[in-house]
Amino acid sequence: KEPDWSKFQDFLKGEVRFASVAKQYPAEAAELFAAAEENAKWRLRSYKRLAAENWSVEE
């Protein structure tokens, strides 16, 4: 199932480590949250590519 990306940054804000960054550095937090979302999307695409590979050993 494809993640609901519209809820991703809200999820991050619920995590203590990200919430503390947002509290201390509000100006940088939006940029960091966007970068984290792009990184998560990239990882998901990578996992999908790996899952689609044919890993069988042909003799």
C-alpha atoms as a PDB file:
ATOM      1  CA  LYS A   1       0.000   0.000   0.000  1.00  0.00           C
ATOM      2  CA  GLU A   2       1.297   3.430  -0.949  1.00  0.00           C
ATOM      3  CA  PRO A   3       1.886   5.733   2.031  1.00  0.00           C
ATOM      4  CA  ASP A   4      -0.245   8.843   2.479  1.00  0.00           C
ATOM      5  CA  TRP A   5       2.484  11.418   1.977  1.00  0.00           C
ATOM      6  CA  SER A   6       0.208  14.270   3.064  1.00  0.00           C
ATOM      7  CA  LYS A   7       0.453  12.935   6.630  1.00  0.00           C
ATOM      8  CA  PHE A   8       4.218  12.352   6.621  1.00  0.00           C
ATOM      9  CA  GLN A   9       5.332  15.666   8.087  1.00  0.00           C
ATOM     10  CA  ASP A  10       2.584  15.507  10.727  1.00  0.00           C
ATOM     11  CA  PHE A  11       3.989  12.130  11.704  1.00  0.00           C
ATOM     12  CA  LEU A  12       7.473  13.642  11.982  1.00  0.00           C
ATOM     13  CA  LYS A  13       6.176  16.419  14.209  1.00  0.00           C
ATOM     14  CA  GLY A  14       4.779  13.757  16.536  1.00  0.00           C
ATOM     15  CA  GLU A  15       8.217  12.207  16.983  1.00  0.00           C
ATOM     16  CA  VAL A  16      10.204  13.696  19.884  1.00  0.00           C
ATOM     17  CA  ARG A  17      13.488  13.952  17.986  1.00  0.00           C
ATOM     18  CA  PHE A  18      11.881  15.928  15.152  1.00  0.00           C
ATOM     19  CA  ALA A  19       9.633  17.995  17.401  1.00  0.00           C
ATOM     20  CA  SER A  20      12.652  19.150  19.400  1.00  0.00           C
ATOM     21  CA  VAL A  21      14.401  20.229  16.192  1.00  0.00           C
ATOM     22  CA  ALA A  22      11.293  22.163  15.141  1.00  0.00           C
ATOM     23  CA  LYS A  23      11.142  23.836  18.541  1.00  0.00           C
ATOM     24  CA  GLN A  24      14.817  24.861  18.618  1.00  0.00           C
ATOM     25  CA  TYR A  25      15.256  25.702  14.933  1.00  0.00           C
ATOM     26  CA  PRO A  26      11.848  26.565  13.454  1.00  0.00           C
ATOM     27  CA  ALA A  27      13.314  28.269  10.381  1.00  0.00           C
ATOM     28  CA  GLU A  28      15.390  25.237   9.389  1.00  0.00           C
ATOM     29  CA  ALA A  29      12.806  22.640  10.426  1.00  0.00           C
ATOM     30  CA  ALA A  30      10.580  23.043   7.364  1.00  0.00           C
ATOM     31  CA  GLU A  31      13.533  22.490   5.052  1.00  0.00           C
ATOM     32  CA  LEU A  32      14.732  19.482   7.050  1.00  0.00           C
ATOM     33  CA  PHE A  33      11.238  17.945   7.134  1.00  0.00           C
ATOM     34  CA  ALA A  34      10.911  18.342   3.369  1.00  0.00           C
ATOM     35  CA  ALA A  35      14.318  16.705   2.898  1.00  0.00           C
ATOM     36  CA  ALA A  36      13.308  13.823   5.175  1.00  0.00           C
ATOM     37  CA  GLU A  37      10.131  13.315   3.134  1.00  0.00           C
ATOM     38  CA  GLU A  38      12.057  13.267  -0.152  1.00  0.00           C
ATOM     39  CA  ASN A  39      14.527  10.804   1.349  1.00  0.00           C
ATOM     40  CA  ALA A  40      11.686   8.515   2.476  1.00  0.00           C
ATOM     41  CA  LYS A  41      10.142   8.630  -1.008  1.00  0.00           C
ATOM     42  CA  TRP A  42      13.521   7.781  -2.550  1.00  0.00           C
ATOM     43  CA  ARG A  43      13.982   4.825  -0.157  1.00  0.00           C
ATOM     44  CA  LEU A  44      10.501   3.512  -0.954  1.00  0.00           C
ATOM     45  CA  ARG A  45      11.220   3.679  -4.709  1.00  0.00           C
ATOM     46  CA  SER A  46      14.516   1.841  -4.119  1.00  0.00           C
ATOM     47  CA  TYR A  47      12.770  -0.892  -2.132  1.00  0.00           C
ATOM     48  CA  LYS A  48      10.156  -1.289  -4.872  1.00  0.00           C
ATOM     49  CA  ARG A  49      12.894  -1.618  -7.510  1.00  0.00           C
ATOM     50  CA  LEU A  50      14.658  -4.267  -5.430  1.00  0.00           C
ATOM     51  CA  ALA A  51      11.413  -6.148  -4.867  1.00  0.00           C
ATOM     52  CA  ALA A  52      10.734  -6.196  -8.619  1.00  0.00           C
ATOM     53  CA  GLU A  53      14.133  -7.728  -9.431  1.00  0.00           C
ATOM     54  CA  ASN A  54      14.390 -11.360 -10.404  1.00  0.00           C
ATOM     55  CA  TRP A  55      16.690 -12.869  -7.776  1.00  0.00           C
ATOM     56  CA  SER A  56      16.427 -16.481  -8.945  1.00  0.00           C
ATOM     57  CA  VAL A  57      19.592 -18.376  -9.798  1.00  0.00           C
ATOM     58  CA  GLU A  58      19.525 -19.706 -13.336  1.00  0.00           C
ATOM     59  CA  GLU A  59      21.600 -22.738 -14.182  1.00  0.00           C
END
